[in-house]
Amino acid sequence: MWVLVKYLLLVSLGMGIGIVLMCIMQVGKEADREMELFKEREEK
């Protein structure tokens, strides 16, 4: 029984870490896009 609970917690932890990493990647992509737009505005 405790093994099942342990595995469930580990899977939940892994899913949580995966979701956080995806959010961080999305924010980084948006920041890169904003920096490109900012550089284009500066050049004009």
Protein backbone atom coordinates (compact mmCIF):
# COMPACT_ATOMS: atom_id res chain seq x y z
CA MET A 1 0.00 0.00 0.00
CA TRP A 2 2.72 2.47 0.95
CA VAL A 3 4.59 1.64 -2.26
CA LEU A 4 1.51 2.63 -4.28
CA VAL A 5 1.21 5.93 -2.38
CA LYS A 6 4.93 6.59 -2.88
CA TYR A 7 4.67 5.97 -6.62
CA LEU A 8 1.58 8.18 -6.86
CA LEU A 9 3.42 11.01 -5.10
CA LEU A 10 6.46 10.60 -7.35
CA VAL A 11 4.31 10.68 -10.49
CA SER A 12 2.48 13.76 -9.21
CA LEU A 13 5.80 15.44 -8.42
CA GLY A 14 7.12 14.64 -11.89
CA MET A 15 3.99 16.02 -13.54
CA GLY A 16 4.23 19.18 -11.45
CA ILE A 17 7.87 19.71 -12.39
CA GLY A 18 6.99 19.14 -16.06
CA ILE A 19 4.21 21.72 -15.96
CA VAL A 20 6.46 24.28 -14.25
CA LEU A 21 9.19 23.71 -16.85
CA MET A 22 6.71 24.16 -19.70
CA CYS A 23 5.52 27.44 -18.17
CA ILE A 24 9.12 28.67 -17.80
CA MET A 25 9.85 27.76 -21.43
CA GLN A 26 6.73 29.63 -22.60
CA VAL A 27 7.68 32.74 -20.61
CA GLY A 28 11.21 32.61 -22.06
CA LYS A 29 9.84 32.37 -25.59
CA GLU A 30 7.59 35.38 -25.01
CA ALA A 31 10.50 37.34 -23.55
CA ASP A 32 12.63 36.57 -26.63
CA ARG A 33 9.84 37.78 -28.88
CA GLU A 34 9.50 41.00 -26.88
CA MET A 35 13.25 41.61 -27.06
CA GLU A 36 13.20 41.18 -30.85
CA LEU A 37 10.35 43.67 -31.16
CA PHE A 38 12.17 46.09 -28.87
CA LYS A 39 15.34 45.85 -30.99
CA GLU A 40 13.35 46.44 -34.18
CA ARG A 41 11.78 49.57 -32.68
CA GLU A 42 15.20 50.83 -31.58
CA GLU A 43 16.68 50.43 -35.08
CA LYS A 44 13.95 52.50 -36.74
